[in-house]
Amino acid sequence: MYPEERQHAIATLVAERGRVQVAAVAEEFGVTTETVRRDLALLERAGTLRRVHGGAVPAGALALVEPGLGERHGTRTEQKRKIAAAALDLLPGTDGSLILDGGSTTAALADVLPVDRRLYVATNSVPIATRLSVPTGVTLHVLGGRVRGITQTAVGDSTVRALADLRVDVVFLGTNGISVAHGFSTPDEAEAATKRAMVRAAQRSVVLADSSKLGREHLVRFAALEDVDVLVTDAEADPADVSELEQAGIEVVVA
C-alpha cells in the first residue's frame, strides 16, 4: 500500500469510528507507530482530522472549548509531576524572580518549589497563589484582573498592564497546543494576551507541557517558536515532534 492510500484509509477509519488509536492503526496496516504518527500529522495539517493523545478524532469533534482546571488536574498526573521535577533545574538562584502562569502543570511546579530558597514569584493563578501563600522563602505577588472560572486565572487589560511593569528572570508557561506551524496556542484571546505579556516580562521563557499538546493547534497563538527558550515535556513525546522543535531552535527537555 502506498503512503497516500494508507493515509486515505486511516482518514476513512477515523470518520467511521469516531476515534482511532495509534497502536491499533499500526497493527491493522502492518506499519510502525512512528509511521502512523507521521500519517496523522499530515492528515491533521490537511484538516482531515485532529490528533489527540494516543490517536486521532474527526476534525469537527473538538469544539473550541477548554477542559476545566479540575478536569486537567486529574489527567496525566505522573507526567506532570516529572515535568515539574525537571523544571526545578531551570529555576533562578536565590533571590531570583519568576512568573508562574496558570495551569495544572505549572501548579505541579508550584507544589515542589524549594522552601529554603528566597524567590520572588508572581502569578495570575488563584490555586497557585493559595499554594504559595503559606510561609516559605517565596515572596508572593498576585496579579489582579478578571478571573476566568474555567482556568481560575486572572486575565484582561489590568493583568496585562501589571505585567508590563514587571521584569523577571524566567516565566513558566502552560499551553494548550504546540506546533511548528502555529507556535504555542490557546483557545481564549484573553488568556493569550496575558501569556503574551508574561513572555515580554521575562528574560527567559519556559513552557511546561505534557506530550499530548505536541502537534496540536488552537485558536490564538500567544508565542512564536522563537519567543520560547525551553520546552519541558514527558518521555511519551514523539521523537519526530521533538526533533522538529529542536531544529526550530527550542531546547527540549524530556522528563
C-alpha atoms as a PDB file:
ATOM      1  CA  MET A   1       0.000   0.000   0.000  1.00  0.00           C
ATOM      2  CA  TYR A   2       1.338   3.405  -0.974  1.00  0.00           C
ATOM      3  CA  PRO A   3       1.514   6.077   1.793  1.00  0.00           C
ATOM      4  CA  GLU A   4      -1.252   8.104   0.132  1.00  0.00           C
ATOM      5  CA  GLU A   5      -3.530   5.033   0.071  1.00  0.00           C
ATOM      6  CA  ARG A   6      -2.789   4.264   3.712  1.00  0.00           C
ATOM      7  CA  GLN A   7      -3.469   7.847   4.740  1.00  0.00           C
ATOM      8  CA  HIS A   8      -6.785   7.827   2.890  1.00  0.00           C
ATOM      9  CA  ALA A   9      -7.695   4.557   4.607  1.00  0.00           C
ATOM     10  CA  ILE A  10      -6.768   5.990   8.021  1.00  0.00           C
ATOM     11  CA  ALA A  11      -8.921   9.066   7.361  1.00  0.00           C
ATOM     12  CA  THR A  12     -11.818   6.784   6.459  1.00  0.00           C
ATOM     13  CA  LEU A  13     -11.377   4.797   9.692  1.00  0.00           C
ATOM     14  CA  VAL A  14     -11.399   7.968  11.776  1.00  0.00           C
ATOM     15  CA  ALA A  15     -14.585   9.173  10.081  1.00  0.00           C
ATOM     16  CA  GLU A  16     -16.304   5.793  10.547  1.00  0.00           C
ATOM     17  CA  ARG A  17     -15.190   5.014  14.099  1.00  0.00           C
ATOM     18  CA  GLY A  18     -15.030   8.495  15.586  1.00  0.00           C
ATOM     19  CA  ARG A  19     -11.664   7.793  17.213  1.00  0.00           C
ATOM     20  CA  VAL A  20      -8.651   5.600  16.456  1.00  0.00           C
ATOM     21  CA  GLN A  21      -5.611   4.638  18.493  1.00  0.00           C
ATOM     22  CA  VAL A  22      -2.086   4.813  17.060  1.00  0.00           C
ATOM     23  CA  ALA A  23      -1.132   1.293  18.175  1.00  0.00           C
ATOM     24  CA  ALA A  24      -4.308  -0.252  16.724  1.00  0.00           C
ATOM     25  CA  VAL A  25      -3.838   1.507  13.366  1.00  0.00           C
ATOM     26  CA  ALA A  26      -0.194   0.411  13.228  1.00  0.00           C
ATOM     27  CA  GLU A  27      -1.207  -3.209  13.773  1.00  0.00           C
ATOM     28  CA  GLU A  28      -4.056  -3.010  11.267  1.00  0.00           C
ATOM     29  CA  PHE A  29      -1.832  -1.672   8.480  1.00  0.00           C
ATOM     30  CA  GLY A  30       1.363  -3.505   9.424  1.00  0.00           C
ATOM     31  CA  VAL A  31       3.465  -0.381   9.931  1.00  0.00           C
ATOM     32  CA  THR A  32       5.278   1.179  12.871  1.00  0.00           C
ATOM     33  CA  THR A  33       3.637   3.550  15.324  1.00  0.00           C
ATOM     34  CA  GLU A  34       6.079   6.253  14.154  1.00  0.00           C
ATOM     35  CA  THR A  35       4.736   5.874  10.609  1.00  0.00           C
ATOM     36  CA  VAL A  36       1.155   6.205  11.855  1.00  0.00           C
ATOM     37  CA  ARG A  37       2.027   9.349  13.826  1.00  0.00           C
ATOM     38  CA  ARG A  38       3.560  10.883  10.715  1.00  0.00           C
ATOM     39  CA  ASP A  39       0.431   9.977   8.727  1.00  0.00           C
ATOM     40  CA  LEU A  40      -1.789  11.553  11.383  1.00  0.00           C
ATOM     41  CA  ALA A  41       0.343  14.688  11.399  1.00  0.00           C
ATOM     42  CA  LEU A  42      -0.046  15.030   7.612  1.00  0.00           C
ATOM     43  CA  LEU A  43      -3.792  14.419   7.811  1.00  0.00           C
ATOM     44  CA  GLU A  44      -4.140  16.973  10.609  1.00  0.00           C
ATOM     45  CA  ARG A  45      -2.298  19.603   8.584  1.00  0.00           C
ATOM     46  CA  ALA A  46      -4.706  18.856   5.734  1.00  0.00           C
ATOM     47  CA  GLY A  47      -7.632  19.491   8.076  1.00  0.00           C
ATOM     48  CA  THR A  48      -8.922  15.905   7.777  1.00  0.00           C
ATOM     49  CA  LEU A  49      -8.664  15.014  11.478  1.00  0.00           C
ATOM     50  CA  ARG A  50      -7.356  16.242  14.800  1.00  0.00           C
ATOM     51  CA  ARG A  51      -4.728  14.405  16.816  1.00  0.00           C
ATOM     52  CA  VAL A  52      -5.443  13.661  20.447  1.00  0.00           C
ATOM     53  CA  HIS A  53      -3.382  11.790  23.000  1.00  0.00           C
ATOM     54  CA  GLY A  54      -2.725   8.287  21.668  1.00  0.00           C
ATOM     55  CA  GLY A  55      -4.677   8.681  18.449  1.00  0.00           C
ATOM     56  CA  ALA A  56      -6.997  10.898  16.421  1.00  0.00           C
ATOM     57  CA  VAL A  57     -10.608  12.054  16.100  1.00  0.00           C
ATOM     58  CA  PRO A  58     -12.532  13.722  13.245  1.00  0.00           C
ATOM     59  CA  ALA A  59     -11.656  17.364  12.664  1.00  0.00           C
ATOM     60  CA  GLY A  60     -15.092  18.548  13.799  1.00  0.00           C
ATOM     61  CA  ALA A  61     -15.048  16.553  17.026  1.00  0.00           C
ATOM     62  CA  LEU A  62     -13.075  19.109  19.006  1.00  0.00           C
ATOM     63  CA  ALA A  63     -15.049  22.210  19.896  1.00  0.00           C
ATOM     64  CA  LEU A  64     -13.347  25.459  20.834  1.00  0.00           C
ATOM     65  CA  VAL A  65     -13.958  24.691  24.496  1.00  0.00           C
ATOM     66  CA  GLU A  66     -11.272  24.237  27.108  1.00  0.00           C
ATOM     67  CA  PRO A  67     -11.415  21.486  29.702  1.00  0.00           C
ATOM     68  CA  GLY A  68     -11.842  22.878  33.196  1.00  0.00           C
ATOM     69  CA  LEU A  69      -8.868  23.120  35.535  1.00  0.00           C
ATOM     70  CA  GLY A  70     -10.261  20.378  37.769  1.00  0.00           C
ATOM     71  CA  GLU A  71     -10.504  18.011  34.814  1.00  0.00           C
ATOM     72  CA  ARG A  72      -6.916  18.793  33.764  1.00  0.00           C
ATOM     73  CA  HIS A  73      -5.593  18.258  37.288  1.00  0.00           C
ATOM     74  CA  GLY A  74      -6.890  14.701  37.111  1.00  0.00           C
ATOM     75  CA  THR A  75      -5.169  13.748  33.853  1.00  0.00           C
ATOM     76  CA  ARG A  76      -1.564  12.703  33.139  1.00  0.00           C
ATOM     77  CA  THR A  77      -0.584  13.481  36.711  1.00  0.00           C
ATOM     78  CA  GLU A  78       2.571  11.353  36.676  1.00  0.00           C
ATOM     79  CA  GLN A  79       3.866  13.040  33.524  1.00  0.00           C
ATOM     80  CA  LYS A  80       3.170  16.469  35.021  1.00  0.00           C
ATOM     81  CA  ARG A  81       4.978  15.510  38.222  1.00  0.00           C
ATOM     82  CA  LYS A  82       8.059  14.515  36.212  1.00  0.00           C
ATOM     83  CA  ILE A  83       7.892  17.696  34.132  1.00  0.00           C
ATOM     84  CA  ALA A  84       7.741  19.783  37.317  1.00  0.00           C
ATOM     85  CA  ALA A  85      10.727  17.938  38.795  1.00  0.00           C
ATOM     86  CA  ALA A  86      12.765  18.574  35.637  1.00  0.00           C
ATOM     87  CA  ALA A  87      11.738  22.241  35.626  1.00  0.00           C
ATOM     88  CA  LEU A  88      13.368  22.734  39.032  1.00  0.00           C
ATOM     89  CA  ASP A  89      16.726  22.816  37.249  1.00  0.00           C
ATOM     90  CA  LEU A  90      15.529  25.882  35.330  1.00  0.00           C
ATOM     91  CA  LEU A  91      14.646  27.964  38.386  1.00  0.00           C
ATOM     92  CA  PRO A  92      16.696  31.094  39.074  1.00  0.00           C
ATOM     93  CA  GLY A  93      19.078  31.108  42.027  1.00  0.00           C
ATOM     94  CA  THR A  94      18.497  32.612  45.439  1.00  0.00           C
ATOM     95  CA  ASP A  95      16.739  35.997  45.257  1.00  0.00           C
ATOM     96  CA  GLY A  96      15.717  35.236  41.692  1.00  0.00           C
ATOM     97  CA  SER A  97      12.327  36.128  40.232  1.00  0.00           C
ATOM     98  CA  LEU A  98       9.784  34.224  38.186  1.00  0.00           C
ATOM     99  CA  ILE A  99       6.248  34.250  36.862  1.00  0.00           C
ATOM    100  CA  LEU A 100       4.062  31.158  37.148  1.00  0.00           C
ATOM    101  CA  ASP A 101       1.284  31.028  34.586  1.00  0.00           C
ATOM    102  CA  GLY A 102      -1.957  29.275  35.476  1.00  0.00           C
ATOM    103  CA  GLY A 103      -2.481  25.614  34.636  1.00  0.00           C
ATOM    104  CA  SER A 104      -2.189  22.122  36.055  1.00  0.00           C
ATOM    105  CA  THR A 105       1.456  21.591  35.030  1.00  0.00           C
ATOM    106  CA  THR A 106       2.648  24.943  36.383  1.00  0.00           C
ATOM    107  CA  ALA A 107       0.691  24.142  39.557  1.00  0.00           C
ATOM    108  CA  ALA A 108       2.712  20.927  39.819  1.00  0.00           C
ATOM    109  CA  LEU A 109       5.859  23.075  39.751  1.00  0.00           C
ATOM    110  CA  ALA A 110       4.426  25.344  42.458  1.00  0.00           C
ATOM    111  CA  ASP A 111       3.960  22.256  44.634  1.00  0.00           C
ATOM    112  CA  VAL A 112       7.685  21.424  44.526  1.00  0.00           C
ATOM    113  CA  LEU A 113       9.305  24.861  44.704  1.00  0.00           C
ATOM    114  CA  PRO A 114      12.209  24.716  47.183  1.00  0.00           C
ATOM    115  CA  VAL A 115      11.171  26.119  50.563  1.00  0.00           C
ATOM    116  CA  ASP A 116      14.748  27.028  51.530  1.00  0.00           C
ATOM    117  CA  ARG A 117      15.415  29.362  48.583  1.00  0.00           C
ATOM    118  CA  ARG A 118      14.356  33.010  48.516  1.00  0.00           C
ATOM    119  CA  LEU A 119      12.324  33.588  45.367  1.00  0.00           C
ATOM    120  CA  TYR A 120      10.013  36.307  44.099  1.00  0.00           C
ATOM    121  CA  VAL A 121       7.011  34.639  42.431  1.00  0.00           C
ATOM    122  CA  ALA A 122       4.288  36.456  40.506  1.00  0.00           C
ATOM    123  CA  THR A 123       1.231  34.516  39.385  1.00  0.00           C
ATOM    124  CA  ASN A 124      -2.198  35.111  37.914  1.00  0.00           C
ATOM    125  CA  SER A 125      -3.460  31.742  39.147  1.00  0.00           C
ATOM    126  CA  VAL A 126      -5.788  31.649  42.151  1.00  0.00           C
ATOM    127  CA  PRO A 127      -4.919  27.994  43.032  1.00  0.00           C
ATOM    128  CA  ILE A 128      -1.166  28.615  42.718  1.00  0.00           C
ATOM    129  CA  ALA A 129      -1.409  31.769  44.842  1.00  0.00           C
ATOM    130  CA  THR A 130      -3.213  29.746  47.506  1.00  0.00           C
ATOM    131  CA  ARG A 131      -0.499  27.073  47.424  1.00  0.00           C
ATOM    132  CA  LEU A 132       2.277  29.656  47.800  1.00  0.00           C
ATOM    133  CA  SER A 133       0.584  31.783  50.465  1.00  0.00           C
ATOM    134  CA  VAL A 134       1.885  29.610  53.308  1.00  0.00           C
ATOM    135  CA  PRO A 135       5.102  30.907  54.945  1.00  0.00           C
ATOM    136  CA  THR A 136       8.127  29.824  52.872  1.00  0.00           C
ATOM    137  CA  GLY A 137      11.048  31.549  51.209  1.00  0.00           C
ATOM    138  CA  VAL A 138       8.683  32.767  48.476  1.00  0.00           C
ATOM    139  CA  THR A 139       7.700  36.420  48.219  1.00  0.00           C
ATOM    140  CA  LEU A 140       4.322  36.121  46.513  1.00  0.00           C
ATOM    141  CA  HIS A 141       2.884  38.724  44.134  1.00  0.00           C
ATOM    142  CA  VAL A 142      -0.665  38.049  42.911  1.00  0.00           C
ATOM    143  CA  LEU A 143      -1.577  39.598  39.569  1.00  0.00           C
ATOM    144  CA  GLY A 144      -5.047  41.102  39.549  1.00  0.00           C
ATOM    145  CA  GLY A 145      -7.699  41.045  36.878  1.00  0.00           C
ATOM    146  CA  ARG A 146     -10.888  39.323  35.840  1.00  0.00           C
ATOM    147  CA  VAL A 147     -10.785  35.687  36.957  1.00  0.00           C
ATOM    148  CA  ARG A 148     -11.856  33.156  34.326  1.00  0.00           C
ATOM    149  CA  GLY A 149     -13.770  30.416  36.071  1.00  0.00           C
ATOM    150  CA  ILE A 150     -12.665  27.663  33.699  1.00  0.00           C
ATOM    151  CA  THR A 151      -8.935  28.267  34.292  1.00  0.00           C
ATOM    152  CA  GLN A 152      -9.110  30.154  37.614  1.00  0.00           C
ATOM    153  CA  THR A 153      -6.623  32.700  36.295  1.00  0.00           C
ATOM    154  CA  ALA A 154      -6.703  36.495  36.193  1.00  0.00           C
ATOM    155  CA  VAL A 155      -6.788  37.875  32.664  1.00  0.00           C
ATOM    156  CA  GLY A 156      -7.670  41.106  30.904  1.00  0.00           C
ATOM    157  CA  ASP A 157      -6.343  44.623  30.490  1.00  0.00           C
ATOM    158  CA  SER A 158      -5.443  45.164  34.152  1.00  0.00           C
ATOM    159  CA  THR A 159      -3.440  41.920  34.234  1.00  0.00           C
ATOM    160  CA  VAL A 160      -1.574  42.844  31.062  1.00  0.00           C
ATOM    161  CA  ARG A 161      -0.823  46.345  32.415  1.00  0.00           C
ATOM    162  CA  ALA A 162       0.528  44.891  35.668  1.00  0.00           C
ATOM    163  CA  LEU A 163       2.804  42.565  33.733  1.00  0.00           C
ATOM    164  CA  ALA A 164       4.135  45.474  31.678  1.00  0.00           C
ATOM    165  CA  ASP A 165       5.718  46.851  34.859  1.00  0.00           C
ATOM    166  CA  LEU A 166       7.498  43.598  35.729  1.00  0.00           C
ATOM    167  CA  ARG A 167      10.856  42.217  34.641  1.00  0.00           C
ATOM    168  CA  VAL A 168      11.660  38.739  35.939  1.00  0.00           C
ATOM    169  CA  ASP A 169      14.342  36.136  35.355  1.00  0.00           C
ATOM    170  CA  VAL A 170      12.083  33.431  33.941  1.00  0.00           C
ATOM    171  CA  VAL A 171       8.432  32.700  33.175  1.00  0.00           C
ATOM    172  CA  PHE A 172       6.964  29.191  33.321  1.00  0.00           C
ATOM    173  CA  LEU A 173       4.007  28.936  30.950  1.00  0.00           C
ATOM    174  CA  GLY A 174       1.323  26.416  30.235  1.00  0.00           C
ATOM    175  CA  THR A 175      -0.112  25.886  26.756  1.00  0.00           C
ATOM    176  CA  ASN A 176      -2.980  24.085  25.042  1.00  0.00           C
ATOM    177  CA  GLY A 177      -1.155  23.420  21.804  1.00  0.00           C
ATOM    178  CA  ILE A 178       2.318  23.371  20.262  1.00  0.00           C
ATOM    179  CA  SER A 179       3.126  23.145  16.575  1.00  0.00           C
ATOM    180  CA  VAL A 180       5.927  24.313  14.338  1.00  0.00           C
ATOM    181  CA  ALA A 181       3.420  25.985  12.014  1.00  0.00           C
ATOM    182  CA  HIS A 182       1.357  27.842  14.645  1.00  0.00           C
ATOM    183  CA  GLY A 183       3.679  28.082  17.648  1.00  0.00           C
ATOM    184  CA  PHE A 184       2.194  27.996  21.153  1.00  0.00           C
ATOM    185  CA  SER A 185      -1.551  28.485  21.299  1.00  0.00           C
ATOM    186  CA  THR A 186      -4.659  28.573  23.475  1.00  0.00           C
ATOM    187  CA  PRO A 187      -8.408  28.763  22.710  1.00  0.00           C
ATOM    188  CA  ASP A 188      -9.073  32.051  24.525  1.00  0.00           C
ATOM    189  CA  GLU A 189      -7.994  35.523  23.372  1.00  0.00           C
ATOM    190  CA  ALA A 190      -7.749  36.990  26.891  1.00  0.00           C
ATOM    191  CA  GLU A 191      -5.600  34.078  28.065  1.00  0.00           C
ATOM    192  CA  ALA A 192      -3.386  34.505  25.011  1.00  0.00           C
ATOM    193  CA  ALA A 193      -2.931  38.241  25.646  1.00  0.00           C
ATOM    194  CA  THR A 194      -1.936  37.554  29.265  1.00  0.00           C
ATOM    195  CA  LYS A 195       0.530  34.820  28.308  1.00  0.00           C
ATOM    196  CA  ARG A 196       1.989  37.112  25.652  1.00  0.00           C
ATOM    197  CA  ALA A 197       2.552  39.806  28.273  1.00  0.00           C
ATOM    198  CA  MET A 198       4.236  37.230  30.529  1.00  0.00           C
ATOM    199  CA  VAL A 199       6.690  36.354  27.763  1.00  0.00           C
ATOM    200  CA  ARG A 200       7.535  40.040  27.329  1.00  0.00           C
ATOM    201  CA  ALA A 201       8.066  40.427  31.085  1.00  0.00           C
ATOM    202  CA  ALA A 202      10.671  37.644  31.338  1.00  0.00           C
ATOM    203  CA  GLN A 203      14.288  37.356  30.294  1.00  0.00           C
ATOM    204  CA  ARG A 204      13.761  33.638  29.658  1.00  0.00           C
ATOM    205  CA  SER A 205      10.599  31.757  28.697  1.00  0.00           C
ATOM    206  CA  VAL A 206       9.969  28.121  29.581  1.00  0.00           C
ATOM    207  CA  VAL A 207       6.867  26.168  28.522  1.00  0.00           C
ATOM    208  CA  LEU A 208       5.765  23.183  30.617  1.00  0.00           C
ATOM    209  CA  ALA A 209       3.548  20.869  28.571  1.00  0.00           C
ATOM    210  CA  ASP A 210       2.859  17.154  28.505  1.00  0.00           C
ATOM    211  CA  SER A 211       3.284  15.333  25.208  1.00  0.00           C
ATOM    212  CA  SER A 212      -0.437  15.367  24.352  1.00  0.00           C
ATOM    213  CA  LYS A 213      -0.049  19.078  23.495  1.00  0.00           C
ATOM    214  CA  LEU A 214       2.559  18.463  20.774  1.00  0.00           C
ATOM    215  CA  GLY A 215       1.276  18.742  17.232  1.00  0.00           C
ATOM    216  CA  ARG A 216      -1.935  20.454  18.323  1.00  0.00           C
ATOM    217  CA  GLU A 217      -3.112  23.919  17.332  1.00  0.00           C
ATOM    218  CA  HIS A 218      -5.689  26.180  18.983  1.00  0.00           C
ATOM    219  CA  LEU A 219      -7.384  29.396  18.010  1.00  0.00           C
ATOM    220  CA  VAL A 220      -4.953  32.045  19.285  1.00  0.00           C
ATOM    221  CA  ARG A 221      -1.152  31.977  19.190  1.00  0.00           C
ATOM    222  CA  PHE A 222       0.480  33.598  22.200  1.00  0.00           C
ATOM    223  CA  ALA A 223       4.120  32.867  21.335  1.00  0.00           C
ATOM    224  CA  ALA A 224       6.043  32.043  18.204  1.00  0.00           C
ATOM    225  CA  LEU A 225       8.691  29.340  18.394  1.00  0.00           C
ATOM    226  CA  GLU A 226      11.476  31.911  18.616  1.00  0.00           C
ATOM    227  CA  ASP A 227       9.816  33.507  21.673  1.00  0.00           C
ATOM    228  CA  VAL A 228      10.327  30.386  23.818  1.00  0.00           C
ATOM    229  CA  ASP A 229      13.715  29.228  25.073  1.00  0.00           C
ATOM    230  CA  VAL A 230      12.906  25.840  26.605  1.00  0.00           C
ATOM    231  CA  LEU A 231      10.091  23.293  26.372  1.00  0.00           C
ATOM    232  CA  VAL A 232       9.850  20.694  29.133  1.00  0.00           C
ATOM    233  CA  THR A 233       7.721  17.695  28.174  1.00  0.00           C
ATOM    234  CA  ASP A 234       7.451  13.989  29.031  1.00  0.00           C
ATOM    235  CA  ALA A 235       9.027  10.838  27.643  1.00  0.00           C
ATOM    236  CA  GLU A 236       5.952   9.938  25.561  1.00  0.00           C
ATOM    237  CA  ALA A 237       6.705  12.827  23.194  1.00  0.00           C
ATOM    238  CA  ASP A 238       7.046  11.734  19.568  1.00  0.00           C
ATOM    239  CA  PRO A 239      10.790  11.920  18.720  1.00  0.00           C
ATOM    240  CA  ALA A 240       9.871  13.403  15.335  1.00  0.00           C
ATOM    241  CA  ASP A 241       7.990  16.255  17.038  1.00  0.00           C
ATOM    242  CA  VAL A 242      10.888  16.837  19.443  1.00  0.00           C
ATOM    243  CA  SER A 243      13.411  16.889  16.600  1.00  0.00           C
ATOM    244  CA  GLU A 244      11.304  19.341  14.609  1.00  0.00           C
ATOM    245  CA  LEU A 245      11.096  21.727  17.577  1.00  0.00           C
ATOM    246  CA  GLU A 246      14.808  21.444  18.265  1.00  0.00           C
ATOM    247  CA  GLN A 247      15.584  22.227  14.632  1.00  0.00           C
ATOM    248  CA  ALA A 248      13.436  25.336  15.060  1.00  0.00           C
ATOM    249  CA  GLY A 249      15.778  26.472  17.855  1.00  0.00           C
ATOM    250  CA  ILE A 250      13.958  25.438  21.021  1.00  0.00           C
ATOM    251  CA  GLU A 251      15.765  23.483  23.720  1.00  0.00           C
ATOM    252  CA  VAL A 252      13.586  20.473  24.564  1.00  0.00           C
ATOM    253  CA  VAL A 253      13.957  18.799  27.968  1.00  0.00           C
ATOM    254  CA  VAL A 254      12.332  15.358  28.120  1.00  0.00           C
ATOM    255  CA  ALA A 255      11.425  14.460  31.681  1.00  0.00           C
END
